[in-house]
Amino acid sequence: MKWEETLSKWLGSHIEVHIEDQVGLDPIAPPKKIKLEKIRISEDREYMLMYMNEHQFLAIPLKGEHTSLTCTEHGTVLRSFDIAAQLVYKVEFGS
């Protein structure tokens, strides 16, 4: 999928990010709302970098069948499973 092109319509909008620890060792982090300033794909094409400002970004793993984009009646959801770290990334975009 061409992630940058597909998600570019949400640039400048607020998104909600959830990161869940599947092992259960870390406390559940509250969702974080950020303004999506820029989207880039890492040079090795293994991560999507979602920038909240010029220098800070969230790196979401792109792992083939473990990364999906789903449209719902409430908006669009990007979900990515990092098997090695046992983390689930969920990004909610507005409708």
N, C-alpha and C. Protein backbone atom coordinates (compact mmCIF):
# COMPACT_ATOMS: atom_id res chain seq x y z
N MET A 1 0.84 -1.17 0.00
CA MET A 1 0.00 0.00 0.00
C MET A 1 0.89 1.24 0.00
N LYS A 2 0.43 2.28 -0.65
CA LYS A 2 1.14 3.57 -0.66
C LYS A 2 0.63 4.37 0.54
N TRP A 3 1.24 4.13 1.70
CA TRP A 3 0.77 4.69 2.95
C TRP A 3 0.74 6.21 2.96
N GLU A 4 1.81 6.84 2.49
CA GLU A 4 1.87 8.30 2.51
C GLU A 4 0.73 8.90 1.70
N GLU A 5 0.49 8.34 0.54
CA GLU A 5 -0.57 8.83 -0.34
C GLU A 5 -1.95 8.57 0.27
N THR A 6 -2.15 7.37 0.80
CA THR A 6 -3.45 6.98 1.36
C THR A 6 -3.82 7.82 2.57
N LEU A 7 -2.85 8.12 3.44
CA LEU A 7 -3.14 8.83 4.69
C LEU A 7 -2.96 10.34 4.59
N SER A 8 -2.52 10.85 3.45
CA SER A 8 -2.23 12.28 3.32
C SER A 8 -3.47 13.16 3.51
N LYS A 9 -4.66 12.63 3.29
CA LYS A 9 -5.85 13.47 3.46
C LYS A 9 -6.08 13.87 4.92
N TRP A 10 -5.40 13.22 5.86
CA TRP A 10 -5.53 13.56 7.28
C TRP A 10 -4.43 14.49 7.78
N LEU A 11 -3.51 14.90 6.91
CA LEU A 11 -2.47 15.83 7.33
C LEU A 11 -3.12 17.11 7.86
N GLY A 12 -2.64 17.58 8.99
CA GLY A 12 -3.19 18.78 9.61
C GLY A 12 -4.36 18.51 10.55
N SER A 13 -4.83 17.27 10.58
CA SER A 13 -5.95 16.94 11.47
C SER A 13 -5.45 16.23 12.73
N HIS A 14 -6.34 16.15 13.71
CA HIS A 14 -6.00 15.46 14.95
C HIS A 14 -6.34 13.98 14.83
N ILE A 15 -5.43 13.16 15.31
CA ILE A 15 -5.62 11.71 15.32
C ILE A 15 -5.46 11.23 16.75
N GLU A 16 -5.97 10.03 17.02
CA GLU A 16 -5.85 9.46 18.36
C GLU A 16 -5.02 8.19 18.27
N VAL A 17 -3.99 8.11 19.10
CA VAL A 17 -3.04 6.99 19.06
C VAL A 17 -3.18 6.17 20.34
N HIS A 18 -3.33 4.86 20.17
CA HIS A 18 -3.36 3.91 21.28
C HIS A 18 -2.21 2.93 21.09
N ILE A 19 -1.45 2.67 22.14
CA ILE A 19 -0.42 1.64 22.09
C ILE A 19 -0.70 0.69 23.25
N GLU A 20 -0.95 -0.57 22.91
CA GLU A 20 -1.31 -1.56 23.91
C GLU A 20 -0.22 -2.60 24.07
N ASP A 21 0.17 -2.86 25.31
CA ASP A 21 1.15 -3.89 25.65
C ASP A 21 0.43 -5.22 25.77
N GLN A 22 0.71 -6.15 24.88
CA GLN A 22 0.04 -7.44 24.88
C GLN A 22 0.54 -8.39 25.97
N VAL A 23 1.71 -8.11 26.53
CA VAL A 23 2.27 -8.94 27.60
C VAL A 23 1.59 -8.60 28.92
N GLY A 24 1.17 -7.35 29.07
CA GLY A 24 0.50 -6.93 30.29
C GLY A 24 1.43 -6.49 31.39
N LEU A 25 2.72 -6.29 31.07
CA LEU A 25 3.68 -5.86 32.09
C LEU A 25 3.64 -4.36 32.35
N ASP A 26 3.32 -3.59 31.31
CA ASP A 26 3.26 -2.14 31.46
C ASP A 26 1.82 -1.71 31.72
N PRO A 27 1.66 -0.62 32.47
CA PRO A 27 0.30 -0.12 32.69
C PRO A 27 -0.30 0.34 31.36
N ILE A 28 -1.60 0.31 31.27
CA ILE A 28 -2.27 0.74 30.04
C ILE A 28 -2.10 2.24 29.90
N ALA A 29 -1.53 2.64 28.79
CA ALA A 29 -1.32 4.06 28.52
C ALA A 29 -2.60 4.67 27.99
N PRO A 30 -2.92 5.87 28.44
CA PRO A 30 -4.12 6.52 27.89
C PRO A 30 -3.87 6.88 26.43
N PRO A 31 -4.95 6.96 25.64
CA PRO A 31 -4.78 7.37 24.25
C PRO A 31 -4.18 8.77 24.19
N LYS A 32 -3.43 9.02 23.14
CA LYS A 32 -2.81 10.33 22.97
C LYS A 32 -3.34 10.95 21.69
N LYS A 33 -3.81 12.18 21.80
CA LYS A 33 -4.27 12.92 20.61
C LYS A 33 -3.13 13.79 20.13
N ILE A 34 -2.84 13.68 18.85
CA ILE A 34 -1.78 14.50 18.25
C ILE A 34 -2.28 15.08 16.93
N LYS A 35 -1.64 16.17 16.53
CA LYS A 35 -1.93 16.74 15.22
C LYS A 35 -0.95 16.10 14.24
N LEU A 36 -1.47 15.52 13.18
CA LEU A 36 -0.64 14.85 12.19
C LEU A 36 -0.05 15.87 11.23
N GLU A 37 1.24 16.14 11.39
CA GLU A 37 1.91 17.17 10.59
C GLU A 37 2.53 16.63 9.31
N LYS A 38 3.05 15.39 9.38
CA LYS A 38 3.77 14.85 8.22
C LYS A 38 3.80 13.34 8.34
N ILE A 39 3.83 12.65 7.21
CA ILE A 39 3.96 11.19 7.18
C ILE A 39 5.13 10.85 6.27
N ARG A 40 6.01 10.00 6.76
CA ARG A 40 7.14 9.51 5.96
C ARG A 40 7.28 8.01 6.20
N ILE A 41 7.87 7.34 5.25
CA ILE A 41 8.21 5.92 5.40
C ILE A 41 9.71 5.86 5.62
N SER A 42 10.15 5.05 6.59
CA SER A 42 11.58 4.94 6.88
C SER A 42 12.33 4.42 5.65
N GLU A 43 13.63 4.69 5.61
CA GLU A 43 14.44 4.28 4.47
C GLU A 43 14.39 2.78 4.24
N ASP A 44 14.32 1.99 5.30
CA ASP A 44 14.26 0.54 5.15
C ASP A 44 12.84 0.04 4.87
N ARG A 45 11.87 0.98 4.82
CA ARG A 45 10.45 0.70 4.50
C ARG A 45 9.78 -0.17 5.56
N GLU A 46 10.35 -0.23 6.77
CA GLU A 46 9.78 -1.05 7.83
C GLU A 46 8.92 -0.27 8.81
N TYR A 47 8.97 1.08 8.74
CA TYR A 47 8.21 1.90 9.68
C TYR A 47 7.56 3.08 8.98
N MET A 48 6.37 3.43 9.45
CA MET A 48 5.71 4.65 9.04
C MET A 48 5.98 5.67 10.15
N LEU A 49 6.51 6.81 9.79
CA LEU A 49 6.82 7.85 10.75
C LEU A 49 5.72 8.89 10.69
N MET A 50 4.98 9.03 11.78
CA MET A 50 3.88 9.99 11.86
C MET A 50 4.36 11.15 12.73
N TYR A 51 4.62 12.28 12.10
CA TYR A 51 5.19 13.43 12.79
C TYR A 51 4.10 14.27 13.46
N MET A 52 4.37 14.65 14.73
CA MET A 52 3.47 15.55 15.45
C MET A 52 4.04 16.97 15.46
N ASN A 53 5.29 17.11 15.09
CA ASN A 53 5.93 18.41 14.87
C ASN A 53 7.20 18.14 14.05
N GLU A 54 8.00 19.15 13.88
CA GLU A 54 9.21 19.03 13.03
C GLU A 54 10.16 17.92 13.47
N HIS A 55 10.25 17.65 14.78
CA HIS A 55 11.26 16.72 15.28
C HIS A 55 10.71 15.46 15.95
N GLN A 56 9.48 15.48 16.42
CA GLN A 56 8.92 14.34 17.14
C GLN A 56 7.99 13.54 16.24
N PHE A 57 8.15 12.21 16.30
CA PHE A 57 7.30 11.35 15.50
C PHE A 57 7.05 10.04 16.23
N LEU A 58 6.03 9.36 15.79
CA LEU A 58 5.70 8.02 16.26
C LEU A 58 6.05 7.07 15.12
N ALA A 59 6.84 6.04 15.42
CA ALA A 59 7.24 5.06 14.40
C ALA A 59 6.34 3.83 14.54
N ILE A 60 5.54 3.59 13.53
CA ILE A 60 4.63 2.45 13.54
C ILE A 60 5.17 1.39 12.59
N PRO A 61 5.35 0.16 13.07
CA PRO A 61 5.89 -0.89 12.20
C PRO A 61 4.93 -1.23 11.06
N LEU A 62 5.51 -1.47 9.89
CA LEU A 62 4.73 -1.91 8.72
C LEU A 62 5.12 -3.36 8.47
N LYS A 63 4.28 -4.28 8.88
CA LYS A 63 4.62 -5.70 8.84
C LYS A 63 3.63 -6.52 8.00
N GLY A 64 3.44 -6.14 6.76
CA GLY A 64 2.60 -6.93 5.87
C GLY A 64 1.22 -7.22 6.42
N GLU A 65 0.94 -8.50 6.65
CA GLU A 65 -0.38 -8.91 7.12
C GLU A 65 -0.68 -8.46 8.54
N HIS A 66 0.32 -7.93 9.24
CA HIS A 66 0.11 -7.46 10.61
C HIS A 66 -0.25 -5.97 10.67
N THR A 67 -0.37 -5.32 9.50
CA THR A 67 -0.74 -3.91 9.43
C THR A 67 -1.95 -3.79 8.53
N SER A 68 -3.00 -3.09 9.03
CA SER A 68 -4.21 -2.96 8.23
C SER A 68 -4.83 -1.58 8.42
N LEU A 69 -5.61 -1.20 7.43
CA LEU A 69 -6.37 0.04 7.46
C LEU A 69 -7.82 -0.32 7.24
N THR A 70 -8.69 0.07 8.18
CA THR A 70 -10.09 -0.31 8.13
C THR A 70 -10.96 0.94 8.21
N CYS A 71 -11.95 1.03 7.35
CA CYS A 71 -12.91 2.12 7.40
C CYS A 71 -14.14 1.65 8.17
N THR A 72 -14.59 2.47 9.13
CA THR A 72 -15.78 2.15 9.92
C THR A 72 -16.73 3.34 9.82
N GLU A 73 -17.88 3.20 10.43
CA GLU A 73 -18.84 4.31 10.41
C GLU A 73 -18.35 5.49 11.25
N HIS A 74 -17.38 5.26 12.12
CA HIS A 74 -16.86 6.32 12.99
C HIS A 74 -15.56 6.92 12.48
N GLY A 75 -15.00 6.40 11.41
CA GLY A 75 -13.74 6.90 10.86
C GLY A 75 -12.89 5.78 10.31
N THR A 76 -11.62 6.03 10.20
CA THR A 76 -10.67 5.07 9.66
C THR A 76 -9.68 4.70 10.76
N VAL A 77 -9.32 3.41 10.83
CA VAL A 77 -8.43 2.92 11.87
C VAL A 77 -7.25 2.18 11.22
N LEU A 78 -6.05 2.61 11.60
CA LEU A 78 -4.82 1.91 11.22
C LEU A 78 -4.44 1.05 12.41
N ARG A 79 -4.21 -0.23 12.18
CA ARG A 79 -3.83 -1.14 13.25
C ARG A 79 -2.57 -1.88 12.81
N SER A 80 -1.59 -1.94 13.71
CA SER A 80 -0.35 -2.64 13.41
C SER A 80 0.10 -3.43 14.63
N PHE A 81 0.46 -4.68 14.41
CA PHE A 81 0.92 -5.55 15.49
C PHE A 81 2.43 -5.73 15.37
N ASP A 82 3.16 -5.39 16.42
CA ASP A 82 4.59 -5.63 16.48
C ASP A 82 4.78 -6.90 17.31
N ILE A 83 4.94 -8.02 16.62
CA ILE A 83 5.02 -9.32 17.27
C ILE A 83 6.22 -9.41 18.22
N ALA A 84 7.39 -8.93 17.79
CA ALA A 84 8.60 -9.02 18.61
C ALA A 84 8.45 -8.25 19.92
N ALA A 85 7.91 -7.03 19.86
CA ALA A 85 7.75 -6.22 21.06
C ALA A 85 6.43 -6.50 21.78
N GLN A 86 5.57 -7.25 21.15
CA GLN A 86 4.23 -7.58 21.65
C GLN A 86 3.43 -6.32 21.98
N LEU A 87 3.42 -5.42 20.99
CA LEU A 87 2.67 -4.18 21.10
C LEU A 87 1.66 -4.10 19.97
N VAL A 88 0.53 -3.48 20.24
CA VAL A 88 -0.47 -3.21 19.22
C VAL A 88 -0.59 -1.69 19.11
N TYR A 89 -0.43 -1.19 17.90
CA TYR A 89 -0.58 0.23 17.62
C TYR A 89 -1.93 0.42 16.94
N LYS A 90 -2.70 1.36 17.42
CA LYS A 90 -4.00 1.66 16.82
C LYS A 90 -4.09 3.19 16.67
N VAL A 91 -4.28 3.63 15.43
CA VAL A 91 -4.39 5.06 15.14
C VAL A 91 -5.77 5.30 14.57
N GLU A 92 -6.52 6.19 15.21
CA GLU A 92 -7.87 6.51 14.76
C GLU A 92 -7.86 7.87 14.05
N PHE A 93 -8.31 7.86 12.81
CA PHE A 93 -8.43 9.07 12.01
C PHE A 93 -9.91 9.44 11.99
N GLY A 94 -10.20 10.75 11.94
CA GLY A 94 -11.59 11.18 11.88
C GLY A 94 -12.27 10.70 10.62
N SER A 95 -13.57 10.81 10.61
CA SER A 95 -14.33 10.36 9.42
C SER A 95 -14.26 11.34 8.30
